Amino acid sequence: MGPAQLSDEELVQRFQAGDAGERQRLAGELFSRYYEKVGRWCLRFTGEREAAADLAQDAFLKAYRHLEGFRGDAKFSTWLYVIVRNECFNRASHASTREMNGDEEMLATLPDEAAASPYDQLARESSNRQLRELLQEALDDTERHVFTMHYGDGVPLEAITRVLRLDNASGAKAYIVSARRKLAKAVQRMKARGGRP
């Protein structure tokens, strides 16, 4: 059975038992499965394509260095997300906060962009910009992280609770409820102002 047919965890086990050449091949297969998702996570955080690419590369490098120690206590994707999240937070603590001005969905929609008309691209960029502004205006940092992880990346609420180390009674669910309430009010305010956040 080739690497493409193996589960993430099976690839990790083979990586841990393999020689240097085999390790690179297996890690390449494993990380290629998450390249776009990690790129989107990093782009959402940085707002800039080049900075997101650098951040994703740093996160994959750190994951490669620690792959030997992966014990399987959580799914590989959750383990990788924790590394990416920590790299994002480390980057934020060492750099000044920049205003998000990149296209969050660039990596996810790259193939479709070529076929889209310039009008469609402009409408999508405007919609993404408005959504980022709305989230920035209405939600605090934790609510924004929980909301984008759950709805943007499809991460289950239980995993978000563990990854973000939320120690409140309801975990990530409480932040989703709060975020929805705040966003509903923000949309009402936006409509009252004529459609601008």
C-alpha atoms as a PDB file:
ATOM      1  CA  MET A   1       0.000   0.000   0.000  1.00  0.00           C
ATOM      2  CA  GLY A   2       1.432   3.370  -1.050  1.00  0.00           C
ATOM      3  CA  PRO A   3       1.619   6.470   1.136  1.00  0.00           C
ATOM      4  CA  ALA A   4      -1.399   8.074  -0.577  1.00  0.00           C
ATOM      5  CA  GLN A   5      -3.662   5.252   0.655  1.00  0.00           C
ATOM      6  CA  LEU A   6      -2.502   5.426   4.275  1.00  0.00           C
ATOM      7  CA  SER A   7      -4.230   7.407   7.024  1.00  0.00           C
ATOM      8  CA  ASP A   8      -2.423  10.349   8.595  1.00  0.00           C
ATOM      9  CA  GLU A   9      -1.653   8.318  11.683  1.00  0.00           C
ATOM     10  CA  GLU A  10      -0.279   5.400   9.637  1.00  0.00           C
ATOM     11  CA  LEU A  11       1.981   7.807   7.762  1.00  0.00           C
ATOM     12  CA  VAL A  12       3.272   9.159  11.063  1.00  0.00           C
ATOM     13  CA  GLN A  13       3.990   5.635  12.330  1.00  0.00           C
ATOM     14  CA  ARG A  14       5.924   4.813   9.164  1.00  0.00           C
ATOM     15  CA  PHE A  15       7.738   8.144   9.439  1.00  0.00           C
ATOM     16  CA  GLN A  16       8.811   7.358  12.976  1.00  0.00           C
ATOM     17  CA  ALA A  17      10.141   3.932  11.925  1.00  0.00           C
ATOM     18  CA  GLY A  18      11.699   4.987   8.604  1.00  0.00           C
ATOM     19  CA  ASP A  19      15.147   6.103   7.478  1.00  0.00           C
ATOM     20  CA  ALA A  20      15.992   9.690   6.459  1.00  0.00           C
ATOM     21  CA  GLY A  21      14.970   9.320   2.803  1.00  0.00           C
ATOM     22  CA  GLU A  22      11.725   7.588   3.647  1.00  0.00           C
ATOM     23  CA  ARG A  23      10.934  10.197   6.309  1.00  0.00           C
ATOM     24  CA  GLN A  24      11.137  13.053   3.815  1.00  0.00           C
ATOM     25  CA  ARG A  25       8.863  11.250   1.354  1.00  0.00           C
ATOM     26  CA  LEU A  26       6.299  10.367   4.034  1.00  0.00           C
ATOM     27  CA  ALA A  27       6.344  13.850   5.574  1.00  0.00           C
ATOM     28  CA  GLY A  28       5.900  15.326   2.091  1.00  0.00           C
ATOM     29  CA  GLU A  29       2.812  13.190   1.528  1.00  0.00           C
ATOM     30  CA  LEU A  30       1.436  14.010   4.971  1.00  0.00           C
ATOM     31  CA  PHE A  31       1.978  17.758   4.733  1.00  0.00           C
ATOM     32  CA  SER A  32       0.688  17.978   1.149  1.00  0.00           C
ATOM     33  CA  ARG A  33      -2.700  16.875   2.508  1.00  0.00           C
ATOM     34  CA  TYR A  34      -2.823  19.961   4.737  1.00  0.00           C
ATOM     35  CA  TYR A  35      -1.011  22.516   2.582  1.00  0.00           C
ATOM     36  CA  GLU A  36      -4.110  24.450   1.486  1.00  0.00           C
ATOM     37  CA  LYS A  37      -5.809  24.339   4.894  1.00  0.00           C
ATOM     38  CA  VAL A  38      -2.673  25.529   6.723  1.00  0.00           C
ATOM     39  CA  GLY A  39      -2.228  28.205   4.064  1.00  0.00           C
ATOM     40  CA  ARG A  40      -5.781  29.447   4.683  1.00  0.00           C
ATOM     41  CA  TRP A  41      -5.257  29.434   8.468  1.00  0.00           C
ATOM     42  CA  CYS A  42      -2.067  31.461   8.081  1.00  0.00           C
ATOM     43  CA  LEU A  43      -3.599  33.822   5.519  1.00  0.00           C
ATOM     44  CA  ARG A  44      -6.566  34.442   7.792  1.00  0.00           C
ATOM     45  CA  PHE A  45      -4.129  35.318  10.564  1.00  0.00           C
ATOM     46  CA  THR A  46      -1.653  37.477   8.601  1.00  0.00           C
ATOM     47  CA  GLY A  47      -3.890  38.932   5.923  1.00  0.00           C
ATOM     48  CA  GLU A  48      -0.920  38.919   3.515  1.00  0.00           C
ATOM     49  CA  ARG A  49      -0.064  36.133   1.065  1.00  0.00           C
ATOM     50  CA  GLU A  50       3.701  36.386   1.400  1.00  0.00           C
ATOM     51  CA  ALA A  51       3.599  36.539   5.195  1.00  0.00           C
ATOM     52  CA  ALA A  52       1.134  33.622   5.231  1.00  0.00           C
ATOM     53  CA  ALA A  53       3.462  31.524   3.051  1.00  0.00           C
ATOM     54  CA  ASP A  54       6.380  32.252   5.400  1.00  0.00           C
ATOM     55  CA  LEU A  55       4.289  31.449   8.459  1.00  0.00           C
ATOM     56  CA  ALA A  56       3.001  28.201   6.923  1.00  0.00           C
ATOM     57  CA  GLN A  57       6.563  27.176   6.050  1.00  0.00           C
ATOM     58  CA  ASP A  58       7.681  27.851   9.630  1.00  0.00           C
ATOM     59  CA  ALA A  59       4.740  25.836  10.982  1.00  0.00           C
ATOM     60  CA  PHE A  60       5.484  22.859   8.694  1.00  0.00           C
ATOM     61  CA  LEU A  61       9.160  22.999   9.626  1.00  0.00           C
ATOM     62  CA  LYS A  62       8.292  22.943  13.333  1.00  0.00           C
ATOM     63  CA  ALA A  63       5.830  20.081  12.749  1.00  0.00           C
ATOM     64  CA  TYR A  64       8.517  18.129  10.873  1.00  0.00           C
ATOM     65  CA  ARG A  65      10.967  18.614  13.737  1.00  0.00           C
ATOM     66  CA  HIS A  66       8.407  17.364  16.280  1.00  0.00           C
ATOM     67  CA  LEU A  67       6.824  14.600  14.199  1.00  0.00           C
ATOM     68  CA  GLU A  68       9.041  12.020  15.881  1.00  0.00           C
ATOM     69  CA  GLY A  69       7.314  12.859  19.180  1.00  0.00           C
ATOM     70  CA  PHE A  70       3.725  12.616  17.881  1.00  0.00           C
ATOM     71  CA  ARG A  71       2.013  10.120  20.214  1.00  0.00           C
ATOM     72  CA  GLY A  72      -1.444   9.971  18.677  1.00  0.00           C
ATOM     73  CA  ASP A  73      -3.289  11.358  21.715  1.00  0.00           C
ATOM     74  CA  ALA A  74      -5.256  13.532  19.280  1.00  0.00           C
ATOM     75  CA  LYS A  75      -5.895  13.365  15.549  1.00  0.00           C
ATOM     76  CA  PHE A  76      -2.932  14.460  13.442  1.00  0.00           C
ATOM     77  CA  SER A  77      -4.945  17.394  12.028  1.00  0.00           C
ATOM     78  CA  THR A  78      -5.646  18.685  15.556  1.00  0.00           C
ATOM     79  CA  TRP A  79      -1.976  18.295  16.517  1.00  0.00           C
ATOM     80  CA  LEU A  80      -0.919  20.188  13.374  1.00  0.00           C
ATOM     81  CA  TYR A  81      -3.485  22.926  14.030  1.00  0.00           C
ATOM     82  CA  VAL A  82      -2.070  23.457  17.534  1.00  0.00           C
ATOM     83  CA  ILE A  83       1.388  23.953  16.016  1.00  0.00           C
ATOM     84  CA  VAL A  84       0.043  26.411  13.429  1.00  0.00           C
ATOM     85  CA  ARG A  85      -1.944  28.272  16.077  1.00  0.00           C
ATOM     86  CA  ASN A  86       1.114  28.537  18.323  1.00  0.00           C
ATOM     87  CA  GLU A  87       3.239  29.791  15.440  1.00  0.00           C
ATOM     88  CA  CYS A  88       0.578  32.414  14.691  1.00  0.00           C
ATOM     89  CA  PHE A  89       0.449  33.530  18.315  1.00  0.00           C
ATOM     90  CA  ASN A  90       4.259  33.594  18.531  1.00  0.00           C
ATOM     91  CA  ARG A  91       4.416  35.710  15.394  1.00  0.00           C
ATOM     92  CA  ALA A  92       1.835  38.100  16.840  1.00  0.00           C
ATOM     93  CA  SER A  93       3.759  38.506  20.065  1.00  0.00           C
ATOM     94  CA  HIS A  94       6.971  39.343  18.184  1.00  0.00           C
ATOM     95  CA  ALA A  95       5.517  41.656  15.562  1.00  0.00           C
ATOM     96  CA  SER A  96       3.330  44.708  15.644  1.00  0.00           C
ATOM     97  CA  THR A  97      -0.295  44.120  14.812  1.00  0.00           C
ATOM     98  CA  ARG A  98      -0.968  44.770  11.154  1.00  0.00           C
ATOM     99  CA  GLU A  99      -4.337  45.585   9.681  1.00  0.00           C
ATOM    100  CA  MET A 100      -5.678  42.666   7.726  1.00  0.00           C
ATOM    101  CA  ASN A 101      -5.627  43.587   4.043  1.00  0.00           C
ATOM    102  CA  GLY A 102      -5.188  40.264   2.236  1.00  0.00           C
ATOM    103  CA  ASP A 103      -7.734  38.063   0.567  1.00  0.00           C
ATOM    104  CA  GLU A 104      -8.590  35.361   3.129  1.00  0.00           C
ATOM    105  CA  GLU A 105      -9.949  32.934   0.598  1.00  0.00           C
ATOM    106  CA  MET A 106      -7.155  33.332  -1.985  1.00  0.00           C
ATOM    107  CA  LEU A 107      -5.621  29.889  -1.452  1.00  0.00           C
ATOM    108  CA  ALA A 108      -8.945  28.088  -1.310  1.00  0.00           C
ATOM    109  CA  THR A 109     -10.338  29.656  -4.492  1.00  0.00           C
ATOM    110  CA  LEU A 110      -7.187  30.024  -6.591  1.00  0.00           C
ATOM    111  CA  PRO A 111      -8.265  27.609  -9.347  1.00  0.00           C
ATOM    112  CA  ASP A 112     -11.716  29.237  -9.578  1.00  0.00           C
ATOM    113  CA  GLU A 113     -10.272  32.753  -9.721  1.00  0.00           C
ATOM    114  CA  ALA A 114      -8.850  32.200 -13.217  1.00  0.00           C
ATOM    115  CA  ALA A 115     -12.291  31.305 -14.573  1.00  0.00           C
ATOM    116  CA  ALA A 116     -14.145  34.098 -12.765  1.00  0.00           C
ATOM    117  CA  SER A 117     -14.877  37.391 -14.438  1.00  0.00           C
ATOM    118  CA  PRO A 118     -13.207  40.544 -13.080  1.00  0.00           C
ATOM    119  CA  TYR A 119     -16.620  41.646 -11.777  1.00  0.00           C
ATOM    120  CA  ASP A 120     -17.039  38.367  -9.847  1.00  0.00           C
ATOM    121  CA  GLN A 121     -13.530  38.699  -8.401  1.00  0.00           C
ATOM    122  CA  LEU A 122     -14.211  42.272  -7.301  1.00  0.00           C
ATOM    123  CA  ALA A 123     -17.523  41.277  -5.707  1.00  0.00           C
ATOM    124  CA  ARG A 124     -15.850  38.383  -3.853  1.00  0.00           C
ATOM    125  CA  GLU A 125     -13.004  40.602  -2.611  1.00  0.00           C
ATOM    126  CA  SER A 126     -15.475  43.246  -1.469  1.00  0.00           C
ATOM    127  CA  SER A 127     -17.575  40.628   0.315  1.00  0.00           C
ATOM    128  CA  ASN A 128     -14.513  39.128   2.045  1.00  0.00           C
ATOM    129  CA  ARG A 129     -13.325  42.583   3.093  1.00  0.00           C
ATOM    130  CA  GLN A 130     -16.763  43.450   4.513  1.00  0.00           C
ATOM    131  CA  LEU A 131     -16.893  40.151   6.396  1.00  0.00           C
ATOM    132  CA  ARG A 132     -13.425  40.713   7.905  1.00  0.00           C
ATOM    133  CA  GLU A 133     -14.404  44.234   8.948  1.00  0.00           C
ATOM    134  CA  LEU A 134     -17.640  42.971  10.477  1.00  0.00           C
ATOM    135  CA  LEU A 135     -15.863  40.224  12.439  1.00  0.00           C
ATOM    136  CA  GLN A 136     -13.158  42.670  13.543  1.00  0.00           C
ATOM    137  CA  GLU A 137     -15.707  45.251  14.688  1.00  0.00           C
ATOM    138  CA  ALA A 138     -18.190  42.952  16.405  1.00  0.00           C
ATOM    139  CA  LEU A 139     -16.175  40.154  18.043  1.00  0.00           C
ATOM    140  CA  ASP A 140     -13.373  39.941  20.565  1.00  0.00           C
ATOM    141  CA  ASP A 141     -10.261  37.892  19.718  1.00  0.00           C
ATOM    142  CA  THR A 142     -11.455  34.609  21.225  1.00  0.00           C
ATOM    143  CA  GLU A 143     -14.900  34.837  19.628  1.00  0.00           C
ATOM    144  CA  ARG A 144     -13.291  35.622  16.258  1.00  0.00           C
ATOM    145  CA  HIS A 145     -10.900  32.644  16.543  1.00  0.00           C
ATOM    146  CA  VAL A 146     -13.672  30.243  17.579  1.00  0.00           C
ATOM    147  CA  PHE A 147     -16.036  31.533  14.880  1.00  0.00           C
ATOM    148  CA  THR A 148     -13.520  31.302  12.019  1.00  0.00           C
ATOM    149  CA  MET A 149     -12.171  27.927  13.164  1.00  0.00           C
ATOM    150  CA  HIS A 150     -15.662  26.441  13.390  1.00  0.00           C
ATOM    151  CA  TYR A 151     -17.386  27.990  10.378  1.00  0.00           C
ATOM    152  CA  GLY A 152     -14.364  28.768   8.207  1.00  0.00           C
ATOM    153  CA  ASP A 153     -12.311  25.621   8.782  1.00  0.00           C
ATOM    154  CA  GLY A 154     -14.961  23.158   9.969  1.00  0.00           C
ATOM    155  CA  VAL A 155     -13.179  22.390  13.250  1.00  0.00           C
ATOM    156  CA  PRO A 156     -15.574  20.719  15.740  1.00  0.00           C
ATOM    157  CA  LEU A 157     -16.433  22.711  18.867  1.00  0.00           C
ATOM    158  CA  GLU A 158     -14.919  20.069  21.171  1.00  0.00           C
ATOM    159  CA  ALA A 159     -11.591  20.283  19.327  1.00  0.00           C
ATOM    160  CA  ILE A 160     -11.657  24.089  19.450  1.00  0.00           C
ATOM    161  CA  THR A 161     -12.252  23.944  23.199  1.00  0.00           C
ATOM    162  CA  ARG A 162      -9.165  21.728  23.609  1.00  0.00           C
ATOM    163  CA  VAL A 163      -6.956  23.608  21.131  1.00  0.00           C
ATOM    164  CA  LEU A 164      -7.700  27.051  22.558  1.00  0.00           C
ATOM    165  CA  ARG A 165      -7.705  25.687  26.125  1.00  0.00           C
ATOM    166  CA  LEU A 166     -11.096  27.203  26.903  1.00  0.00           C
ATOM    167  CA  ASP A 167     -11.895  26.464  30.541  1.00  0.00           C
ATOM    168  CA  ASN A 168     -15.399  27.915  30.767  1.00  0.00           C
ATOM    169  CA  ALA A 169     -18.275  25.491  31.405  1.00  0.00           C
ATOM    170  CA  SER A 170     -19.632  25.427  27.834  1.00  0.00           C
ATOM    171  CA  GLY A 171     -16.301  25.691  26.029  1.00  0.00           C
ATOM    172  CA  ALA A 172     -16.327  26.915  22.429  1.00  0.00           C
ATOM    173  CA  LYS A 173     -20.136  26.666  22.214  1.00  0.00           C
ATOM    174  CA  ALA A 174     -20.509  29.666  24.546  1.00  0.00           C
ATOM    175  CA  TYR A 175     -18.281  31.745  22.270  1.00  0.00           C
ATOM    176  CA  ILE A 176     -20.273  30.704  19.183  1.00  0.00           C
ATOM    177  CA  VAL A 177     -23.540  31.743  20.866  1.00  0.00           C
ATOM    178  CA  SER A 178     -22.021  35.071  21.910  1.00  0.00           C
ATOM    179  CA  ALA A 179     -20.494  35.642  18.453  1.00  0.00           C
ATOM    180  CA  ARG A 180     -23.809  34.952  16.694  1.00  0.00           C
ATOM    181  CA  ARG A 181     -25.631  37.376  18.990  1.00  0.00           C
ATOM    182  CA  LYS A 182     -23.036  40.108  18.454  1.00  0.00           C
ATOM    183  CA  LEU A 183     -22.943  39.538  14.706  1.00  0.00           C
ATOM    184  CA  ALA A 184     -26.741  39.745  14.447  1.00  0.00           C
ATOM    185  CA  LYS A 185     -26.646  43.127  16.211  1.00  0.00           C
ATOM    186  CA  ALA A 186     -23.741  44.287  14.040  1.00  0.00           C
ATOM    187  CA  VAL A 187     -25.618  43.340  10.857  1.00  0.00           C
ATOM    188  CA  GLN A 188     -28.657  45.306  12.060  1.00  0.00           C
ATOM    189  CA  ARG A 189     -26.422  48.333  12.690  1.00  0.00           C
ATOM    190  CA  MET A 190     -24.806  47.860   9.284  1.00  0.00           C
ATOM    191  CA  LYS A 191     -28.198  47.774   7.536  1.00  0.00           C
ATOM    192  CA  ALA A 192     -29.243  50.906   9.414  1.00  0.00           C
ATOM    193  CA  ARG A 193     -26.105  52.667   8.107  1.00  0.00           C
ATOM    194  CA  GLY A 194     -26.852  51.675   4.547  1.00  0.00           C
ATOM    195  CA  GLY A 195     -24.974  48.394   4.230  1.00  0.00           C
ATOM    196  CA  ARG A 196     -21.483  49.364   5.389  1.00  0.00           C
ATOM    197  CA  PRO A 197     -19.793  47.833   8.461  1.00  0.00           C
END
